[in-house]
């Protein structure tokens, strides 16, 4: 996949009506501080397409990025942000839920988990909710550059077991610093576009 152009086309807040797109959508979800904005910038080859911040919880909307006029990358609000109050957290949760439940063009969901830690309660809930909706999330294990190469297999196993994910679940170790894992994501997106077109 070669990224020629990317444009933030639609931003939906809690009460917004989601757009009726005619192209494939792939959604990215993850905990507030998992490095989702950095990952989106890395795979889209842009420095600051998605706003990164040392202050987690920045993405509070659903952002639709039109990629190459071929598909939409849908950035879902970061969940599990500790400093957000309960009612805000519930609204974000409901918005993610409403999107996953109602999008007719959603083809695949990527769930980001920090490779250094076991999946937390929010990660497990999100994973279970996605599978209950009939999706088989592709796991991206972020912050790969923060662990030693020798630990990768052990940490991938820890994530898979922590989510009780079936053994055929795809887990891609990823670093937004070194871009390791990006080619695997591109290959998956290419395959998805090819199957979506069939």
C-alpha atoms as a PDB file:
ATOM      1  CA  UNK A   1       0.000   0.000   0.000  1.00  0.00           C
ATOM      2  CA  UNK A   2       1.261   3.450  -0.927  1.00  0.00           C
ATOM      3  CA  UNK A   3      -0.364   6.359   0.917  1.00  0.00           C
ATOM      4  CA  UNK A   4      -0.905   9.094  -1.657  1.00  0.00           C
ATOM      5  CA  UNK A   5      -3.376  11.312   0.137  1.00  0.00           C
ATOM      6  CA  UNK A   6      -5.197  11.378   3.451  1.00  0.00           C
ATOM      7  CA  UNK A   7      -7.872  13.793   4.481  1.00  0.00           C
ATOM      8  CA  UNK A   8      -9.817  14.154   7.718  1.00  0.00           C
ATOM      9  CA  UNK A   9     -13.265  14.147   6.168  1.00  0.00           C
ATOM     10  CA  UNK A  10     -15.790  13.804   8.984  1.00  0.00           C
ATOM     11  CA  UNK A  11     -15.686  14.350  12.748  1.00  0.00           C
ATOM     12  CA  UNK A  12     -18.578  12.965  14.805  1.00  0.00           C
ATOM     13  CA  UNK A  13     -19.327  13.937  18.391  1.00  0.00           C
ATOM     14  CA  UNK A  14     -21.535  12.178  20.908  1.00  0.00           C
ATOM     15  CA  UNK A  15     -24.825  13.314  19.333  1.00  0.00           C
ATOM     16  CA  UNK A  16     -23.711  13.299  15.670  1.00  0.00           C
ATOM     17  CA  UNK A  17     -25.283  11.186  12.970  1.00  0.00           C
ATOM     18  CA  UNK A  18     -22.660   8.926  11.424  1.00  0.00           C
ATOM     19  CA  UNK A  19     -22.001   9.427   7.698  1.00  0.00           C
ATOM     20  CA  UNK A  20     -23.380   6.907   5.208  1.00  0.00           C
ATOM     21  CA  UNK A  21     -20.124   6.052   3.488  1.00  0.00           C
ATOM     22  CA  UNK A  22     -19.876   3.926   0.361  1.00  0.00           C
ATOM     23  CA  UNK A  23     -16.253   2.861   0.860  1.00  0.00           C
ATOM     24  CA  UNK A  24     -14.766   0.288   3.216  1.00  0.00           C
ATOM     25  CA  UNK A  25     -14.180   1.409   6.794  1.00  0.00           C
ATOM     26  CA  UNK A  26     -11.526   0.031   9.141  1.00  0.00           C
ATOM     27  CA  UNK A  27     -11.710   1.160  12.760  1.00  0.00           C
ATOM     28  CA  UNK A  28      -8.904   1.650  15.271  1.00  0.00           C
ATOM     29  CA  UNK A  29      -9.694   1.431  18.976  1.00  0.00           C
ATOM     30  CA  UNK A  30      -7.504   1.473  22.046  1.00  0.00           C
ATOM     31  CA  UNK A  31      -7.004   2.762  25.556  1.00  0.00           C
ATOM     32  CA  UNK A  32      -6.297   6.478  25.903  1.00  0.00           C
ATOM     33  CA  UNK A  33      -2.523   6.245  26.301  1.00  0.00           C
ATOM     34  CA  UNK A  34      -1.829   3.276  24.023  1.00  0.00           C
ATOM     35  CA  UNK A  35      -0.271   5.346  21.226  1.00  0.00           C
ATOM     36  CA  UNK A  36      -3.190   5.293  18.759  1.00  0.00           C
ATOM     37  CA  UNK A  37      -2.551   8.757  17.303  1.00  0.00           C
ATOM     38  CA  UNK A  38       1.155   7.946  16.865  1.00  0.00           C
ATOM     39  CA  UNK A  39       0.248   4.707  15.099  1.00  0.00           C
ATOM     40  CA  UNK A  40      -2.194   6.462  12.745  1.00  0.00           C
ATOM     41  CA  UNK A  41       0.415   9.096  11.900  1.00  0.00           C
ATOM     42  CA  UNK A  42       3.020   6.369  11.295  1.00  0.00           C
ATOM     43  CA  UNK A  43       0.869   4.269   8.970  1.00  0.00           C
ATOM     44  CA  UNK A  44      -0.468   7.316   7.116  1.00  0.00           C
ATOM     45  CA  UNK A  45       3.070   8.747   6.708  1.00  0.00           C
ATOM     46  CA  UNK A  46       2.072  12.046   8.281  1.00  0.00           C
ATOM     47  CA  UNK A  47       3.687  13.895  11.168  1.00  0.00           C
ATOM     48  CA  UNK A  48       0.586  15.289  12.827  1.00  0.00           C
ATOM     49  CA  UNK A  49      -2.512  13.997  11.080  1.00  0.00           C
ATOM     50  CA  UNK A  50      -3.908  12.609  14.325  1.00  0.00           C
ATOM     51  CA  UNK A  51      -3.105  14.841  17.297  1.00  0.00           C
ATOM     52  CA  UNK A  52      -0.732  13.162  19.702  1.00  0.00           C
ATOM     53  CA  UNK A  53      -0.462  14.328  23.255  1.00  0.00           C
ATOM     54  CA  UNK A  54       1.237  13.429  26.496  1.00  0.00           C
ATOM     55  CA  UNK A  55      -2.207  14.178  27.950  1.00  0.00           C
ATOM     56  CA  UNK A  56      -4.269  11.037  27.266  1.00  0.00           C
ATOM     57  CA  UNK A  57      -7.924  11.228  26.266  1.00  0.00           C
ATOM     58  CA  UNK A  58      -7.443  13.704  23.415  1.00  0.00           C
ATOM     59  CA  UNK A  59      -9.583  11.837  20.869  1.00  0.00           C
ATOM     60  CA  UNK A  60     -13.121  12.451  22.089  1.00  0.00           C
ATOM     61  CA  UNK A  61     -14.750  12.211  18.692  1.00  0.00           C
ATOM     62  CA  UNK A  62     -14.963   9.603  15.945  1.00  0.00           C
ATOM     63  CA  UNK A  63     -12.692  10.808  13.147  1.00  0.00           C
ATOM     64  CA  UNK A  64     -13.063   9.540   9.580  1.00  0.00           C
ATOM     65  CA  UNK A  65      -9.894   9.778   7.466  1.00  0.00           C
ATOM     66  CA  UNK A  66     -10.365   9.298   3.728  1.00  0.00           C
ATOM     67  CA  UNK A  67      -7.282   7.375   2.544  1.00  0.00           C
ATOM     68  CA  UNK A  68      -6.377   7.489  -1.175  1.00  0.00           C
ATOM     69  CA  UNK A  69     -10.097   7.852  -1.859  1.00  0.00           C
ATOM     70  CA  UNK A  70     -10.133   4.046  -1.405  1.00  0.00           C
ATOM     71  CA  UNK A  71     -11.230   3.509   2.192  1.00  0.00           C
ATOM     72  CA  UNK A  72     -11.860   5.216   5.526  1.00  0.00           C
ATOM     73  CA  UNK A  73      -9.634   4.822   8.539  1.00  0.00           C
ATOM     74  CA  UNK A  74     -11.953   5.455  11.482  1.00  0.00           C
ATOM     75  CA  UNK A  75     -10.289   6.654  14.689  1.00  0.00           C
ATOM     76  CA  UNK A  76     -12.469   5.810  17.709  1.00  0.00           C
ATOM     77  CA  UNK A  77     -12.245   7.717  21.022  1.00  0.00           C
ATOM     78  CA  UNK A  78      -9.644   6.389  23.462  1.00  0.00           C
ATOM     79  CA  UNK A  79     -11.367   4.481  26.249  1.00  0.00           C
ATOM     80  CA  UNK A  80     -10.456   3.994  29.896  1.00  0.00           C
ATOM     81  CA  UNK A  81      -9.148   7.527  30.425  1.00  0.00           C
ATOM     82  CA  UNK A  82      -8.764   7.672  34.221  1.00  0.00           C
ATOM     83  CA  UNK A  83      -9.362  11.427  34.609  1.00  0.00           C
ATOM     84  CA  UNK A  84     -12.592  11.556  32.595  1.00  0.00           C
ATOM     85  CA  UNK A  85     -15.674  11.584  34.765  1.00  0.00           C
ATOM     86  CA  UNK A  86     -18.041   8.607  34.752  1.00  0.00           C
ATOM     87  CA  UNK A  87     -20.762  10.183  32.595  1.00  0.00           C
ATOM     88  CA  UNK A  88     -18.215  11.251  29.948  1.00  0.00           C
ATOM     89  CA  UNK A  89     -16.714   7.743  29.931  1.00  0.00           C
ATOM     90  CA  UNK A  90     -20.185   6.259  29.499  1.00  0.00           C
ATOM     91  CA  UNK A  91     -20.951   8.596  26.602  1.00  0.00           C
ATOM     92  CA  UNK A  92     -17.684   7.695  24.839  1.00  0.00           C
ATOM     93  CA  UNK A  93     -18.428   3.996  25.406  1.00  0.00           C
ATOM     94  CA  UNK A  94     -21.940   4.363  24.007  1.00  0.00           C
ATOM     95  CA  UNK A  95     -20.629   6.284  20.993  1.00  0.00           C
ATOM     96  CA  UNK A  96     -18.089   3.521  20.192  1.00  0.00           C
ATOM     97  CA  UNK A  97     -20.806   0.921  20.720  1.00  0.00           C
ATOM     98  CA  UNK A  98     -23.258   2.784  18.460  1.00  0.00           C
ATOM     99  CA  UNK A  99     -20.635   3.062  15.718  1.00  0.00           C
ATOM    100  CA  UNK A 100     -19.640  -0.629  15.836  1.00  0.00           C
ATOM    101  CA  UNK A 101     -23.284  -1.608  15.862  1.00  0.00           C
ATOM    102  CA  UNK A 102     -24.540   0.679  13.097  1.00  0.00           C
ATOM    103  CA  UNK A 103     -21.778   1.119  10.504  1.00  0.00           C
ATOM    104  CA  UNK A 104     -22.697  -0.764   7.335  1.00  0.00           C
ATOM    105  CA  UNK A 105     -19.236  -0.362   5.781  1.00  0.00           C
ATOM    106  CA  UNK A 106     -17.111  -1.463   8.746  1.00  0.00           C
ATOM    107  CA  UNK A 107     -14.950  -4.291   7.462  1.00  0.00           C
ATOM    108  CA  UNK A 108     -12.396  -4.795  10.225  1.00  0.00           C
ATOM    109  CA  UNK A 109     -11.472  -3.580  13.680  1.00  0.00           C
ATOM    110  CA  UNK A 110      -7.940  -3.078  14.981  1.00  0.00           C
ATOM    111  CA  UNK A 111      -7.573  -3.148  18.757  1.00  0.00           C
ATOM    112  CA  UNK A 112      -4.416  -1.566  20.172  1.00  0.00           C
ATOM    113  CA  UNK A 113      -2.879  -3.013  23.333  1.00  0.00           C
ATOM    114  CA  UNK A 114       0.356  -1.852  24.997  1.00  0.00           C
ATOM    115  CA  UNK A 115       2.808  -4.737  24.478  1.00  0.00           C
ATOM    116  CA  UNK A 116       4.439  -4.104  27.875  1.00  0.00           C
ATOM    117  CA  UNK A 117       1.387  -4.922  29.971  1.00  0.00           C
ATOM    118  CA  UNK A 118      -1.297  -7.539  30.322  1.00  0.00           C
ATOM    119  CA  UNK A 119      -4.610  -6.392  28.792  1.00  0.00           C
ATOM    120  CA  UNK A 120      -6.574  -4.405  31.389  1.00  0.00           C
ATOM    121  CA  UNK A 121     -10.265  -4.638  32.273  1.00  0.00           C
ATOM    122  CA  UNK A 122     -11.232  -2.040  29.644  1.00  0.00           C
ATOM    123  CA  UNK A 123      -9.221  -3.841  26.942  1.00  0.00           C
ATOM    124  CA  UNK A 124     -10.940  -7.135  27.745  1.00  0.00           C
ATOM    125  CA  UNK A 125     -14.385  -5.502  27.737  1.00  0.00           C
ATOM    126  CA  UNK A 126     -13.718  -3.858  24.371  1.00  0.00           C
ATOM    127  CA  UNK A 127     -12.396  -7.111  22.896  1.00  0.00           C
ATOM    128  CA  UNK A 128     -15.403  -9.072  24.167  1.00  0.00           C
ATOM    129  CA  UNK A 129     -17.812  -6.448  22.901  1.00  0.00           C
ATOM    130  CA  UNK A 130     -16.235  -6.465  19.440  1.00  0.00           C
ATOM    131  CA  UNK A 131     -16.389 -10.248  19.201  1.00  0.00           C
ATOM    132  CA  UNK A 132     -20.016 -10.182  20.414  1.00  0.00           C
ATOM    133  CA  UNK A 133     -20.765  -7.861  17.467  1.00  0.00           C
ATOM    134  CA  UNK A 134     -19.325 -10.464  15.113  1.00  0.00           C
ATOM    135  CA  UNK A 135     -15.892  -8.884  14.559  1.00  0.00           C
ATOM    136  CA  UNK A 136     -12.571 -10.657  15.013  1.00  0.00           C
ATOM    137  CA  UNK A 137     -10.286  -7.842  16.132  1.00  0.00           C
ATOM    138  CA  UNK A 138      -6.763  -7.645  14.771  1.00  0.00           C
ATOM    139  CA  UNK A 139      -4.524  -6.866  17.726  1.00  0.00           C
ATOM    140  CA  UNK A 140      -1.759  -4.305  17.365  1.00  0.00           C
ATOM    141  CA  UNK A 141       0.710  -4.579  20.230  1.00  0.00           C
ATOM    142  CA  UNK A 142       2.061  -1.020  20.454  1.00  0.00           C
ATOM    143  CA  UNK A 143       5.227   0.431  21.993  1.00  0.00           C
ATOM    144  CA  UNK A 144       7.352  -2.425  20.707  1.00  0.00           C
ATOM    145  CA  UNK A 145      10.523  -0.324  21.026  1.00  0.00           C
ATOM    146  CA  UNK A 146      10.034  -0.259  24.818  1.00  0.00           C
ATOM    147  CA  UNK A 147      10.818  -3.966  25.273  1.00  0.00           C
ATOM    148  CA  UNK A 148      13.780  -6.164  24.321  1.00  0.00           C
ATOM    149  CA  UNK A 149      13.546  -8.196  21.144  1.00  0.00           C
ATOM    150  CA  UNK A 150      13.947 -11.381  23.216  1.00  0.00           C
ATOM    151  CA  UNK A 151      10.738 -10.556  25.133  1.00  0.00           C
ATOM    152  CA  UNK A 152       8.454 -10.107  22.102  1.00  0.00           C
ATOM    153  CA  UNK A 153       7.127 -13.689  21.833  1.00  0.00           C
ATOM    154  CA  UNK A 154       6.440 -13.861  25.585  1.00  0.00           C
ATOM    155  CA  UNK A 155       4.548 -10.535  25.574  1.00  0.00           C
ATOM    156  CA  UNK A 156       2.506 -11.425  22.481  1.00  0.00           C
ATOM    157  CA  UNK A 157       1.506 -14.673  24.226  1.00  0.00           C
ATOM    158  CA  UNK A 158       0.593 -12.681  27.374  1.00  0.00           C
ATOM    159  CA  UNK A 159      -1.723 -10.408  25.329  1.00  0.00           C
ATOM    160  CA  UNK A 160      -3.334 -13.315  23.467  1.00  0.00           C
ATOM    161  CA  UNK A 161      -3.970 -15.210  26.719  1.00  0.00           C
ATOM    162  CA  UNK A 162      -5.065 -12.056  28.576  1.00  0.00           C
ATOM    163  CA  UNK A 163      -7.802 -11.480  25.985  1.00  0.00           C
ATOM    164  CA  UNK A 164      -8.637 -15.204  25.724  1.00  0.00           C
ATOM    165  CA  UNK A 165      -8.157 -14.702  21.984  1.00  0.00           C
ATOM    166  CA  UNK A 166      -8.206 -17.759  19.704  1.00  0.00           C
ATOM    167  CA  UNK A 167      -4.804 -18.856  18.448  1.00  0.00           C
ATOM    168  CA  UNK A 168      -5.538 -17.728  14.875  1.00  0.00           C
ATOM    169  CA  UNK A 169      -5.986 -14.111  16.064  1.00  0.00           C
ATOM    170  CA  UNK A 170      -3.529 -11.818  14.293  1.00  0.00           C
ATOM    171  CA  UNK A 171      -1.237  -9.967  16.709  1.00  0.00           C
ATOM    172  CA  UNK A 172       1.126  -7.421  15.145  1.00  0.00           C
ATOM    173  CA  UNK A 173       3.922  -6.027  17.344  1.00  0.00           C
ATOM    174  CA  UNK A 174       4.272  -2.367  16.316  1.00  0.00           C
ATOM    175  CA  UNK A 175       6.528   0.598  16.999  1.00  0.00           C
ATOM    176  CA  UNK A 176       5.623   4.093  15.821  1.00  0.00           C
ATOM    177  CA  UNK A 177       9.277   5.044  16.445  1.00  0.00           C
ATOM    178  CA  UNK A 178      10.917   2.423  14.197  1.00  0.00           C
ATOM    179  CA  UNK A 179       7.809   1.745  12.024  1.00  0.00           C
ATOM    180  CA  UNK A 180       8.247  -1.982  12.669  1.00  0.00           C
ATOM    181  CA  UNK A 181       4.925  -3.709  11.968  1.00  0.00           C
ATOM    182  CA  UNK A 182       3.785  -1.091   9.458  1.00  0.00           C
ATOM    183  CA  UNK A 183       4.318  -3.312   6.405  1.00  0.00           C
ATOM    184  CA  UNK A 184       2.194  -6.058   7.996  1.00  0.00           C
ATOM    185  CA  UNK A 185      -0.623  -3.551   8.537  1.00  0.00           C
ATOM    186  CA  UNK A 186      -0.312  -2.335   4.926  1.00  0.00           C
ATOM    187  CA  UNK A 187      -0.464  -5.937   3.659  1.00  0.00           C
ATOM    188  CA  UNK A 188      -3.625  -6.582   5.688  1.00  0.00           C
ATOM    189  CA  UNK A 189      -5.261  -3.377   4.400  1.00  0.00           C
ATOM    190  CA  UNK A 190      -4.396  -4.356   0.806  1.00  0.00           C
ATOM    191  CA  UNK A 191      -5.957  -7.803   1.334  1.00  0.00           C
ATOM    192  CA  UNK A 192      -9.066  -6.224   2.883  1.00  0.00           C
ATOM    193  CA  UNK A 193      -9.510  -3.810  -0.020  1.00  0.00           C
ATOM    194  CA  UNK A 194      -9.160  -6.689  -2.479  1.00  0.00           C
ATOM    195  CA  UNK A 195     -11.786  -8.823  -0.649  1.00  0.00           C
ATOM    196  CA  UNK A 196     -14.079  -5.848  -0.113  1.00  0.00           C
ATOM    197  CA  UNK A 197     -14.073  -5.156  -3.860  1.00  0.00           C
ATOM    198  CA  UNK A 198     -15.013  -8.761  -4.718  1.00  0.00           C
END
